[in-house]
């Protein structure tokens, strides 16, 4: 391999790989019933092996996020909530970005 050809070999990521690495959703989960923050809420990307939990102040961060991913928020005593992420509306001009998301979980009806 000559000196010039070695310069042609470089690691490149496709747009979707770059996008997936940089699109991050951060947010806070509270109770719709009384407005308190909810620590310990499970936050998952539906049909993927990616997930996290909210911290003691109800905050979370999850990535990578792709267009059309569905975030699933669940906790005992609350209704599970799903939110579809539209990366094209969140990140204008196909620019990878971070999105702030506030989620209010409804209390589960106890009968």
PDB file of N, CA and C in Angstrom:
ATOM      1  N   UNK A   1       0.845  -1.173   0.000  1.00  0.00           N
ATOM      2  CA  UNK A   1       0.000   0.000   0.000  1.00  0.00           C
ATOM      3  C   UNK A   1       0.889   1.234   0.000  1.00  0.00           C
ATOM      4  N   UNK A   2       0.672   2.123  -0.956  1.00  0.00           N
ATOM      5  CA  UNK A   2       1.515   3.319  -1.001  1.00  0.00           C
ATOM      6  C   UNK A   2       1.005   4.380  -0.032  1.00  0.00           C
ATOM      7  N   UNK A   3       1.816   5.380   0.133  1.00  0.00           N
ATOM      8  CA  UNK A   3       1.522   6.441   1.100  1.00  0.00           C
ATOM      9  C   UNK A   3       0.186   7.140   0.820  1.00  0.00           C
ATOM     10  N   UNK A   4      -0.121   7.414  -0.433  1.00  0.00           N
ATOM     11  CA  UNK A   4      -1.358   8.109  -0.771  1.00  0.00           C
ATOM     12  C   UNK A   4      -2.596   7.257  -0.546  1.00  0.00           C
ATOM     13  N   UNK A   5      -2.508   5.958  -0.848  1.00  0.00           N
ATOM     14  CA  UNK A   5      -3.697   5.118  -0.696  1.00  0.00           C
ATOM     15  C   UNK A   5      -4.070   4.923   0.769  1.00  0.00           C
ATOM     16  N   UNK A   6      -3.091   4.976   1.673  1.00  0.00           N
ATOM     17  CA  UNK A   6      -3.420   4.817   3.092  1.00  0.00           C
ATOM     18  C   UNK A   6      -4.257   5.988   3.594  1.00  0.00           C
ATOM     19  N   UNK A   7      -4.127   7.138   2.956  1.00  0.00           N
ATOM     20  CA  UNK A   7      -4.934   8.293   3.345  1.00  0.00           C
ATOM     21  C   UNK A   7      -6.399   8.116   2.959  1.00  0.00           C
ATOM     22  N   UNK A   8      -6.664   7.209   2.017  1.00  0.00           N
ATOM     23  CA  UNK A   8      -8.042   6.985   1.582  1.00  0.00           C
ATOM     24  C   UNK A   8      -8.817   6.099   2.538  1.00  0.00           C
ATOM     25  N   UNK A   9      -8.100   5.398   3.392  1.00  0.00           N
ATOM     26  CA  UNK A   9      -8.752   4.506   4.341  1.00  0.00           C
ATOM     27  C   UNK A   9      -9.013   5.291   5.614  1.00  0.00           C
ATOM     28  N   UNK A  10     -10.242   5.514   5.892  1.00  0.00           N
ATOM     29  CA  UNK A  10     -10.604   6.236   7.115  1.00  0.00           C
ATOM     30  C   UNK A  10     -11.925   5.689   7.622  1.00  0.00           C
ATOM     31  N   UNK A  11     -12.137   5.866   8.883  1.00  0.00           N
ATOM     32  CA  UNK A  11     -13.382   5.403   9.470  1.00  0.00           C
ATOM     33  C   UNK A  11     -14.432   6.473   9.258  1.00  0.00           C
ATOM     34  N   UNK A  12     -15.492   6.100   8.560  1.00  0.00           N
ATOM     35  CA  UNK A  12     -16.604   7.019   8.344  1.00  0.00           C
ATOM     36  C   UNK A  12     -17.867   6.356   8.838  1.00  0.00           C
ATOM     37  N   UNK A  13     -18.712   7.127   9.405  1.00  0.00           N
ATOM     38  CA  UNK A  13     -20.020   6.633   9.823  1.00  0.00           C
ATOM     39  C   UNK A  13     -21.048   7.151   8.851  1.00  0.00           C
ATOM     40  N   UNK A  14     -22.038   6.335   8.608  1.00  0.00           N
ATOM     41  CA  UNK A  14     -23.139   6.807   7.776  1.00  0.00           C
ATOM     42  C   UNK A  14     -23.893   7.875   8.555  1.00  0.00           C
ATOM     43  N   UNK A  15     -24.748   8.631   7.857  1.00  0.00           N
ATOM     44  CA  UNK A  15     -25.530   9.663   8.541  1.00  0.00           C
ATOM     45  C   UNK A  15     -26.342   9.067   9.672  1.00  0.00           C
ATOM     46  N   UNK A  16     -26.974   7.894   9.415  1.00  0.00           N
ATOM     47  CA  UNK A  16     -27.832   7.307  10.456  1.00  0.00           C
ATOM     48  C   UNK A  16     -27.018   6.899  11.674  1.00  0.00           C
ATOM     49  N   UNK A  17     -25.782   6.439  11.483  1.00  0.00           N
ATOM     50  CA  UNK A  17     -24.949   6.095  12.627  1.00  0.00           C
ATOM     51  C   UNK A  17     -24.559   7.348  13.397  1.00  0.00           C
ATOM     52  N   UNK A  18     -24.191   8.414  12.697  1.00  0.00           N
ATOM     53  CA  UNK A  18     -23.855   9.668  13.371  1.00  0.00           C
ATOM     54  C   UNK A  18     -25.072  10.188  14.119  1.00  0.00           C
ATOM     55  N   UNK A  19     -26.205  10.157  13.445  1.00  0.00           N
ATOM     56  CA  UNK A  19     -27.449  10.642  14.020  1.00  0.00           C
ATOM     57  C   UNK A  19     -27.794   9.854  15.274  1.00  0.00           C
ATOM     58  N   UNK A  20     -27.672   8.538  15.196  1.00  0.00           N
ATOM     59  CA  UNK A  20     -28.020   7.688  16.327  1.00  0.00           C
ATOM     60  C   UNK A  20     -27.105   7.947  17.513  1.00  0.00           C
ATOM     61  N   UNK A  21     -25.836   8.240  17.247  1.00  0.00           N
ATOM     62  CA  UNK A  21     -24.908   8.470  18.334  1.00  0.00           C
ATOM     63  C   UNK A  21     -25.135   9.811  19.021  1.00  0.00           C
ATOM     64  N   UNK A  22     -25.707  10.766  18.326  1.00  0.00           N
ATOM     65  CA  UNK A  22     -25.802  12.104  18.869  1.00  0.00           C
ATOM     66  C   UNK A  22     -27.202  12.543  19.256  1.00  0.00           C
ATOM     67  N   UNK A  23     -28.246  11.840  18.808  1.00  0.00           N
ATOM     68  CA  UNK A  23     -29.594  12.230  19.205  1.00  0.00           C
ATOM     69  C   UNK A  23     -29.867  11.689  20.598  1.00  0.00           C
ATOM     70  N   UNK A  24     -30.026  12.606  21.510  1.00  0.00           N
ATOM     71  CA  UNK A  24     -30.212  12.262  22.914  1.00  0.00           C
ATOM     72  C   UNK A  24     -31.496  12.907  23.403  1.00  0.00           C
ATOM     73  N   UNK A  25     -32.274  12.142  24.134  1.00  0.00           N
ATOM     74  CA  UNK A  25     -33.456  12.687  24.787  1.00  0.00           C
ATOM     75  C   UNK A  25     -33.137  12.778  26.273  1.00  0.00           C
ATOM     76  N   UNK A  26     -33.270  13.976  26.818  1.00  0.00           N
ATOM     77  CA  UNK A  26     -33.146  14.158  28.261  1.00  0.00           C
ATOM     78  C   UNK A  26     -34.473  14.706  28.753  1.00  0.00           C
ATOM     79  N   UNK A  27     -34.798  14.432  29.987  1.00  0.00           N
ATOM     80  CA  UNK A  27     -36.080  14.936  30.464  1.00  0.00           C
ATOM     81  C   UNK A  27     -36.333  14.671  31.924  1.00  0.00           C
ATOM     82  N   UNK A  28     -37.555  14.943  32.292  1.00  0.00           N
ATOM     83  CA  UNK A  28     -38.009  14.761  33.678  1.00  0.00           C
ATOM     84  C   UNK A  28     -39.396  14.162  33.649  1.00  0.00           C
ATOM     85  N   UNK A  29     -39.628  13.232  34.562  1.00  0.00           N
ATOM     86  CA  UNK A  29     -40.934  12.587  34.679  1.00  0.00           C
ATOM     87  C   UNK A  29     -41.565  12.985  36.005  1.00  0.00           C
ATOM     88  N   UNK A  30     -42.813  13.462  35.920  1.00  0.00           N
ATOM     89  CA  UNK A  30     -43.565  13.840  37.118  1.00  0.00           C
ATOM     90  C   UNK A  30     -44.914  13.141  37.120  1.00  0.00           C
ATOM     91  N   UNK A  31     -45.566  13.206  38.258  1.00  0.00           N
ATOM     92  CA  UNK A  31     -46.906  12.644  38.395  1.00  0.00           C
ATOM     93  C   UNK A  31     -47.932  13.658  37.917  1.00  0.00           C
ATOM     94  N   UNK A  32     -48.824  13.221  37.048  1.00  0.00           N
ATOM     95  CA  UNK A  32     -49.907  14.097  36.600  1.00  0.00           C
ATOM     96  C   UNK A  32     -50.921  14.297  37.733  1.00  0.00           C
ATOM     97  N   UNK A  33     -50.918  13.390  38.690  1.00  0.00           N
ATOM     98  CA  UNK A  33     -51.878  13.452  39.802  1.00  0.00           C
ATOM     99  C   UNK A  33     -51.580  14.581  40.781  1.00  0.00           C
ATOM    100  N   UNK A  34     -50.294  14.703  41.179  1.00  0.00           N
ATOM    101  CA  UNK A  34     -49.963  15.710  42.180  1.00  0.00           C
ATOM    102  C   UNK A  34     -48.721  16.547  41.840  1.00  0.00           C
ATOM    103  N   UNK A  35     -48.119  16.303  40.678  1.00  0.00           N
ATOM    104  CA  UNK A  35     -46.994  17.116  40.234  1.00  0.00           C
ATOM    105  C   UNK A  35     -45.642  16.755  40.821  1.00  0.00           C
ATOM    106  N   UNK A  36     -45.582  15.734  41.674  1.00  0.00           N
ATOM    107  CA  UNK A  36     -44.296  15.365  42.261  1.00  0.00           C
ATOM    108  C   UNK A  36     -43.405  14.681  41.232  1.00  0.00           C
ATOM    109  N   UNK A  37     -42.099  14.820  41.427  1.00  0.00           N
ATOM    110  CA  UNK A  37     -41.159  14.127  40.543  1.00  0.00           C
ATOM    111  C   UNK A  37     -41.203  12.637  40.846  1.00  0.00           C
ATOM    112  N   UNK A  38     -40.908  11.821  39.823  1.00  0.00           N
ATOM    113  CA  UNK A  38     -41.004  10.370  39.979  1.00  0.00           C
ATOM    114  C   UNK A  38     -39.647   9.700  39.775  1.00  0.00           C
ATOM    115  N   UNK A  39     -38.971   9.355  40.872  1.00  0.00           N
ATOM    116  CA  UNK A  39     -37.730   8.592  40.752  1.00  0.00           C
ATOM    117  C   UNK A  39     -38.043   7.123  40.461  1.00  0.00           C
ATOM    118  N   UNK A  40     -37.162   6.464  39.719  1.00  0.00           N
ATOM    119  CA  UNK A  40     -37.312   5.030  39.487  1.00  0.00           C
ATOM    120  C   UNK A  40     -38.242   4.635  38.357  1.00  0.00           C
ATOM    121  N   UNK A  41     -38.655   5.587  37.524  1.00  0.00           N
ATOM    122  CA  UNK A  41     -39.496   5.262  36.366  1.00  0.00           C
ATOM    123  C   UNK A  41     -38.617   4.571  35.325  1.00  0.00           C
ATOM    124  N   UNK A  42     -39.106   3.465  34.764  1.00  0.00           N
ATOM    125  CA  UNK A  42     -38.395   2.784  33.681  1.00  0.00           C
ATOM    126  C   UNK A  42     -38.642   3.543  32.384  1.00  0.00           C
ATOM    127  N   UNK A  43     -37.561   3.844  31.671  1.00  0.00           N
ATOM    128  CA  UNK A  43     -37.637   4.533  30.379  1.00  0.00           C
ATOM    129  C   UNK A  43     -36.927   3.627  29.370  1.00  0.00           C
ATOM    130  N   UNK A  44     -37.687   3.090  28.399  1.00  0.00           N
ATOM    131  CA  UNK A  44     -37.117   2.168  27.421  1.00  0.00           C
ATOM    132  C   UNK A  44     -37.439   2.634  26.012  1.00  0.00           C
ATOM    133  N   UNK A  45     -36.596   2.207  25.071  1.00  0.00           N
ATOM    134  CA  UNK A  45     -36.925   2.367  23.662  1.00  0.00           C
ATOM    135  C   UNK A  45     -37.573   1.065  23.229  1.00  0.00           C
ATOM    136  N   UNK A  46     -38.827   1.151  22.799  1.00  0.00           N
ATOM    137  CA  UNK A  46     -39.603  -0.032  22.443  1.00  0.00           C
ATOM    138  C   UNK A  46     -38.887  -0.847  21.358  1.00  0.00           C
ATOM    139  N   UNK A  47     -38.862  -2.161  21.564  1.00  0.00           N
ATOM    140  CA  UNK A  47     -38.262  -3.132  20.635  1.00  0.00           C
ATOM    141  C   UNK A  47     -36.751  -2.984  20.480  1.00  0.00           C
ATOM    142  N   UNK A  48     -36.105  -2.355  21.432  1.00  0.00           N
ATOM    143  CA  UNK A  48     -34.643  -2.248  21.446  1.00  0.00           C
ATOM    144  C   UNK A  48     -34.146  -2.581  22.846  1.00  0.00           C
ATOM    145  N   UNK A  49     -32.898  -2.945  22.921  1.00  0.00           N
ATOM    146  CA  UNK A  49     -32.291  -3.266  24.215  1.00  0.00           C
ATOM    147  C   UNK A  49     -31.637  -2.027  24.814  1.00  0.00           C
ATOM    148  N   UNK A  50     -32.379  -0.935  24.830  1.00  0.00           N
ATOM    149  CA  UNK A  50     -31.877   0.330  25.372  1.00  0.00           C
ATOM    150  C   UNK A  50     -32.880   0.822  26.403  1.00  0.00           C
ATOM    151  N   UNK A  51     -32.389   1.133  27.583  1.00  0.00           N
ATOM    152  CA  UNK A  51     -33.285   1.631  28.615  1.00  0.00           C
ATOM    153  C   UNK A  51     -32.518   2.260  29.757  1.00  0.00           C
ATOM    154  N   UNK A  52     -33.263   2.927  30.625  1.00  0.00           N
ATOM    155  CA  UNK A  52     -32.677   3.584  31.786  1.00  0.00           C
ATOM    156  C   UNK A  52     -33.780   3.776  32.831  1.00  0.00           C
ATOM    157  N   UNK A  53     -33.435   4.405  33.932  1.00  0.00           N
ATOM    158  CA  UNK A  53     -34.392   4.756  34.984  1.00  0.00           C
ATOM    159  C   UNK A  53     -34.237   6.235  35.310  1.00  0.00           C
ATOM    160  N   UNK A  54     -35.304   6.841  35.815  1.00  0.00           N
ATOM    161  CA  UNK A  54     -35.185   8.217  36.281  1.00  0.00           C
ATOM    162  C   UNK A  54     -34.419   8.239  37.602  1.00  0.00           C
ATOM    163  N   UNK A  55     -33.690   9.334  37.828  1.00  0.00           N
ATOM    164  CA  UNK A  55     -32.932   9.479  39.071  1.00  0.00           C
ATOM    165  C   UNK A  55     -33.847   9.985  40.187  1.00  0.00           C
ATOM    166  N   UNK A  56     -33.260  10.360  41.318  1.00  0.00           N
ATOM    167  CA  UNK A  56     -34.055  10.799  42.474  1.00  0.00           C
ATOM    168  C   UNK A  56     -34.840  12.079  42.232  1.00  0.00           C
ATOM    169  N   UNK A  57     -34.465  12.829  41.193  1.00  0.00           N
ATOM    170  CA  UNK A  57     -35.188  14.056  40.873  1.00  0.00           C
ATOM    171  C   UNK A  57     -36.076  13.886  39.642  1.00  0.00           C
ATOM    172  N   UNK A  58     -36.264  12.625  39.219  1.00  0.00           N
ATOM    173  CA  UNK A  58     -37.138  12.332  38.079  1.00  0.00           C
ATOM    174  C   UNK A  58     -36.494  12.575  36.726  1.00  0.00           C
ATOM    175  N   UNK A  59     -35.190  12.842  36.697  1.00  0.00           N
ATOM    176  CA  UNK A  59     -34.484  13.130  35.443  1.00  0.00           C
ATOM    177  C   UNK A  59     -34.005  11.854  34.764  1.00  0.00           C
ATOM    178  N   UNK A  60     -33.915  11.901  33.435  1.00  0.00           N
ATOM    179  CA  UNK A  60     -33.391  10.769  32.679  1.00  0.00           C
ATOM    180  C   UNK A  60     -32.682  11.281  31.432  1.00  0.00           C
ATOM    181  N   UNK A  61     -31.867  10.403  30.862  1.00  0.00           N
ATOM    182  CA  UNK A  61     -31.190  10.655  29.591  1.00  0.00           C
ATOM    183  C   UNK A  61     -31.128   9.321  28.865  1.00  0.00           C
ATOM    184  N   UNK A  62     -31.502   9.317  27.586  1.00  0.00           N
ATOM    185  CA  UNK A  62     -31.493   8.066  26.826  1.00  0.00           C
ATOM    186  C   UNK A  62     -31.046   8.338  25.390  1.00  0.00           C
ATOM    187  N   UNK A  63     -30.222   7.445  24.897  1.00  0.00           N
ATOM    188  CA  UNK A  63     -29.740   7.525  23.515  1.00  0.00           C
ATOM    189  C   UNK A  63     -29.212   6.150  23.128  1.00  0.00           C
ATOM    190  N   UNK A  64     -29.025   5.852  21.892  1.00  0.00           N
ATOM    191  CA  UNK A  64     -29.300   6.669  20.717  1.00  0.00           C
ATOM    192  C   UNK A  64     -30.778   6.619  20.354  1.00  0.00           C
ATOM    193  N   UNK A  65     -31.278   7.707  19.814  1.00  0.00           N
ATOM    194  CA  UNK A  65     -32.665   7.813  19.384  1.00  0.00           C
ATOM    195  C   UNK A  65     -32.701   7.914  17.866  1.00  0.00           C
ATOM    196  N   UNK A  66     -33.495   7.063  17.252  1.00  0.00           N
ATOM    197  CA  UNK A  66     -33.690   7.107  15.799  1.00  0.00           C
ATOM    198  C   UNK A  66     -35.089   7.617  15.500  1.00  0.00           C
ATOM    199  N   UNK A  67     -35.282   8.103  14.294  1.00  0.00           N
ATOM    200  CA  UNK A  67     -36.592   8.574  13.869  1.00  0.00           C
ATOM    201  C   UNK A  67     -37.619   7.448  14.001  1.00  0.00           C
ATOM    202  N   UNK A  68     -38.733   7.731  14.634  1.00  0.00           N
ATOM    203  CA  UNK A  68     -39.798   6.752  14.799  1.00  0.00           C
ATOM    204  C   UNK A  68     -39.680   5.889  16.038  1.00  0.00           C
ATOM    205  N   UNK A  69     -38.594   6.029  16.804  1.00  0.00           N
ATOM    206  CA  UNK A  69     -38.480   5.267  18.045  1.00  0.00           C
ATOM    207  C   UNK A  69     -39.617   5.640  18.992  1.00  0.00           C
ATOM    208  N   UNK A  70     -40.034   4.674  19.779  1.00  0.00           N
ATOM    209  CA  UNK A  70     -41.094   4.893  20.758  1.00  0.00           C
ATOM    210  C   UNK A  70     -40.489   4.759  22.146  1.00  0.00           C
ATOM    211  N   UNK A  71     -40.575   5.828  22.936  1.00  0.00           N
ATOM    212  CA  UNK A  71     -40.136   5.775  24.331  1.00  0.00           C
ATOM    213  C   UNK A  71     -41.292   5.271  25.181  1.00  0.00           C
ATOM    214  N   UNK A  72     -40.998   4.314  26.057  1.00  0.00           N
ATOM    215  CA  UNK A  72     -42.006   3.725  26.929  1.00  0.00           C
ATOM    216  C   UNK A  72     -41.638   4.074  28.366  1.00  0.00           C
ATOM    217  N   UNK A  73     -42.567   4.722  29.067  1.00  0.00           N
ATOM    218  CA  UNK A  73     -42.384   5.120  30.458  1.00  0.00           C
ATOM    219  C   UNK A  73     -43.311   4.277  31.313  1.00  0.00           C
ATOM    220  N   UNK A  74     -42.755   3.592  32.306  1.00  0.00           N
ATOM    221  CA  UNK A  74     -43.610   2.744  33.145  1.00  0.00           C
ATOM    222  C   UNK A  74     -43.135   2.746  34.592  1.00  0.00           C
ATOM    223  N   UNK A  75     -44.128   2.631  35.473  1.00  0.00           N
ATOM    224  CA  UNK A  75     -43.865   2.565  36.910  1.00  0.00           C
ATOM    225  C   UNK A  75     -45.106   2.004  37.585  1.00  0.00           C
ATOM    226  N   UNK A  76     -44.905   1.197  38.585  1.00  0.00           N
ATOM    227  CA  UNK A  76     -46.034   0.633  39.328  1.00  0.00           C
ATOM    228  C   UNK A  76     -46.854   1.772  39.920  1.00  0.00           C
ATOM    229  N   UNK A  77     -48.170   1.692  39.753  1.00  0.00           N
ATOM    230  CA  UNK A  77     -49.072   2.706  40.279  1.00  0.00           C
ATOM    231  C   UNK A  77     -49.405   3.803  39.277  1.00  0.00           C
ATOM    232  N   UNK A  78     -48.808   3.708  38.080  1.00  0.00           N
ATOM    233  CA  UNK A  78     -49.050   4.700  37.036  1.00  0.00           C
ATOM    234  C   UNK A  78     -49.325   4.004  35.716  1.00  0.00           C
ATOM    235  N   UNK A  79     -50.074   4.670  34.853  1.00  0.00           N
ATOM    236  CA  UNK A  79     -50.348   4.125  33.525  1.00  0.00           C
ATOM    237  C   UNK A  79     -49.094   4.241  32.668  1.00  0.00           C
ATOM    238  N   UNK A  80     -48.807   3.176  31.917  1.00  0.00           N
ATOM    239  CA  UNK A  80     -47.669   3.195  30.997  1.00  0.00           C
ATOM    240  C   UNK A  80     -47.956   4.190  29.889  1.00  0.00           C
ATOM    241  N   UNK A  81     -46.962   4.974  29.546  1.00  0.00           N
ATOM    242  CA  UNK A  81     -47.112   5.982  28.498  1.00  0.00           C
ATOM    243  C   UNK A  81     -46.081   5.747  27.412  1.00  0.00           C
ATOM    244  N   UNK A  82     -46.513   5.848  26.151  1.00  0.00           N
ATOM    245  CA  UNK A  82     -45.620   5.708  25.006  1.00  0.00           C
ATOM    246  C   UNK A  82     -45.590   7.020  24.224  1.00  0.00           C
ATOM    247  N   UNK A  83     -44.393   7.442  23.840  1.00  0.00           N
ATOM    248  CA  UNK A  83     -44.220   8.674  23.075  1.00  0.00           C
ATOM    249  C   UNK A  83     -43.352   8.354  21.857  1.00  0.00           C
ATOM    250  N   UNK A  84     -43.893   8.612  20.666  1.00  0.00           N
ATOM    251  CA  UNK A  84     -43.143   8.398  19.433  1.00  0.00           C
ATOM    252  C   UNK A  84     -42.281   9.619  19.157  1.00  0.00           C
ATOM    253  N   UNK A  85     -41.026   9.366  18.851  1.00  0.00           N
ATOM    254  CA  UNK A  85     -40.069  10.435  18.611  1.00  0.00           C
ATOM    255  C   UNK A  85     -39.932  10.664  17.107  1.00  0.00           C
ATOM    256  N   UNK A  86     -40.129  11.902  16.703  1.00  0.00           N
ATOM    257  CA  UNK A  86     -39.984  12.302  15.309  1.00  0.00           C
ATOM    258  C   UNK A  86     -38.712  13.135  15.206  1.00  0.00           C
ATOM    259  N   UNK A  87     -37.597  12.474  14.913  1.00  0.00           N
ATOM    260  CA  UNK A  87     -36.299  13.136  14.878  1.00  0.00           C
ATOM    261  C   UNK A  87     -36.279  14.269  13.858  1.00  0.00           C
ATOM    262  N   UNK A  88     -36.968  14.099  12.752  1.00  0.00           N
ATOM    263  CA  UNK A  88     -36.939  15.135  11.714  1.00  0.00           C
ATOM    264  C   UNK A  88     -37.555  16.442  12.197  1.00  0.00           C
ATOM    265  N   UNK A  89     -38.550  16.376  13.078  1.00  0.00           N
ATOM    266  CA  UNK A  89     -39.132  17.602  13.641  1.00  0.00           C
ATOM    267  C   UNK A  89     -38.327  18.135  14.819  1.00  0.00           C
ATOM    268  N   UNK A  90     -37.660  17.241  15.517  1.00  0.00           N
ATOM    269  CA  UNK A  90     -36.867  17.651  16.682  1.00  0.00           C
ATOM    270  C   UNK A  90     -35.557  18.288  16.234  1.00  0.00           C
ATOM    271  N   UNK A  91     -34.916  17.670  15.252  1.00  0.00           N
ATOM    272  CA  UNK A  91     -33.594  18.104  14.805  1.00  0.00           C
ATOM    273  C   UNK A  91     -33.700  18.668  13.397  1.00  0.00           C
ATOM    274  N   UNK A  92     -33.930  19.956  13.253  1.00  0.00           N
ATOM    275  CA  UNK A  92     -34.086  20.542  11.928  1.00  0.00           C
ATOM    276  C   UNK A  92     -32.831  20.391  11.083  1.00  0.00           C
ATOM    277  N   UNK A  93     -33.031  20.323   9.777  1.00  0.00           N
ATOM    278  CA  UNK A  93     -31.932  20.211   8.808  1.00  0.00           C
ATOM    279  C   UNK A  93     -31.081  18.971   9.024  1.00  0.00           C
ATOM    280  N   UNK A  94     -31.709  17.913   9.525  1.00  0.00           N
ATOM    281  CA  UNK A  94     -30.997  16.646   9.745  1.00  0.00           C
ATOM    282  C   UNK A  94     -29.742  16.806  10.589  1.00  0.00           C
ATOM    283  N   UNK A  95     -29.795  17.697  11.551  1.00  0.00           N
ATOM    284  CA  UNK A  95     -28.664  17.933  12.433  1.00  0.00           C
ATOM    285  C   UNK A  95     -28.867  17.147  13.727  1.00  0.00           C
ATOM    286  N   UNK A  96     -27.919  16.300  14.093  1.00  0.00           N
ATOM    287  CA  UNK A  96     -28.039  15.586  15.368  1.00  0.00           C
ATOM    288  C   UNK A  96     -28.166  16.584  16.519  1.00  0.00           C
ATOM    289  N   UNK A  97     -28.967  16.232  17.526  1.00  0.00           N
ATOM    290  CA  UNK A  97     -29.219  17.186  18.596  1.00  0.00           C
ATOM    291  C   UNK A  97     -29.672  16.499  19.872  1.00  0.00           C
ATOM    292  N   UNK A  98     -29.916  17.309  20.873  1.00  0.00           N
ATOM    293  CA  UNK A  98     -30.458  16.862  22.147  1.00  0.00           C
ATOM    294  C   UNK A  98     -31.840  17.480  22.308  1.00  0.00           C
ATOM    295  N   UNK A  99     -32.788  16.710  22.785  1.00  0.00           N
ATOM    296  CA  UNK A  99     -34.162  17.182  22.971  1.00  0.00           C
ATOM    297  C   UNK A  99     -34.543  17.054  24.432  1.00  0.00           C
ATOM    298  N   UNK A 100     -35.172  18.087  24.958  1.00  0.00           N
ATOM    299  CA  UNK A 100     -35.681  18.087  26.324  1.00  0.00           C
ATOM    300  C   UNK A 100     -37.142  17.663  26.289  1.00  0.00           C
ATOM    301  N   UNK A 101     -37.502  16.705  27.127  1.00  0.00           N
ATOM    302  CA  UNK A 101     -38.847  16.146  27.121  1.00  0.00           C
ATOM    303  C   UNK A 101     -39.384  16.086  28.546  1.00  0.00           C
ATOM    304  N   UNK A 102     -40.554  16.688  28.755  1.00  0.00           N
ATOM    305  CA  UNK A 102     -41.220  16.609  30.055  1.00  0.00           C
ATOM    306  C   UNK A 102     -42.385  15.640  29.927  1.00  0.00           C
ATOM    307  N   UNK A 103     -42.432  14.667  30.835  1.00  0.00           N
ATOM    308  CA  UNK A 103     -43.452  13.621  30.784  1.00  0.00           C
ATOM    309  C   UNK A 103     -44.234  13.642  32.091  1.00  0.00           C
ATOM    310  N   UNK A 104     -45.563  13.595  31.976  1.00  0.00           N
ATOM    311  CA  UNK A 104     -46.430  13.512  33.158  1.00  0.00           C
ATOM    312  C   UNK A 104     -47.188  12.198  33.085  1.00  0.00           C
ATOM    313  N   UNK A 105     -46.910  11.302  34.041  1.00  0.00           N
ATOM    314  CA  UNK A 105     -47.589  10.007  34.068  1.00  0.00           C
ATOM    315  C   UNK A 105     -48.891  10.104  34.834  1.00  0.00           C
ATOM    316  N   UNK A 106     -49.942   9.506  34.263  1.00  0.00           N
ATOM    317  CA  UNK A 106     -51.235   9.474  34.925  1.00  0.00           C
ATOM    318  C   UNK A 106     -51.246   8.375  35.978  1.00  0.00           C
ATOM    319  N   UNK A 107     -51.920   8.655  37.092  1.00  0.00           N
ATOM    320  CA  UNK A 107     -52.080   7.635  38.121  1.00  0.00           C
ATOM    321  C   UNK A 107     -52.953   6.516  37.593  1.00  0.00           C
ATOM    322  N   UNK A 108     -52.602   5.311  38.005  1.00  0.00           N
ATOM    323  CA  UNK A 108     -53.389   4.141  37.625  1.00  0.00           C
ATOM    324  C   UNK A 108     -54.665   4.135  38.460  1.00  0.00           C
ATOM    325  N   UNK A 109     -55.776   3.791  37.812  1.00  0.00           N
ATOM    326  CA  UNK A 109     -57.042   3.690  38.543  1.00  0.00           C
ATOM    327  C   UNK A 109     -57.008   2.483  39.453  1.00  0.00           C
ATOM    328  N   UNK A 110     -57.180   2.710  40.721  1.00  0.00           N
ATOM    329  CA  UNK A 110     -57.200   1.626  41.705  1.00  0.00           C
ATOM    330  C   UNK A 110     -58.654   1.334  42.057  1.00  0.00           C
ATOM    331  N   UNK A 111     -59.048   0.092  41.808  1.00  0.00           N
ATOM    332  CA  UNK A 111     -60.439  -0.277  42.102  1.00  0.00           C
ATOM    333  C   UNK A 111     -60.524  -1.270  43.209  1.00  0.00           C
TER     334      UNK A 111
END
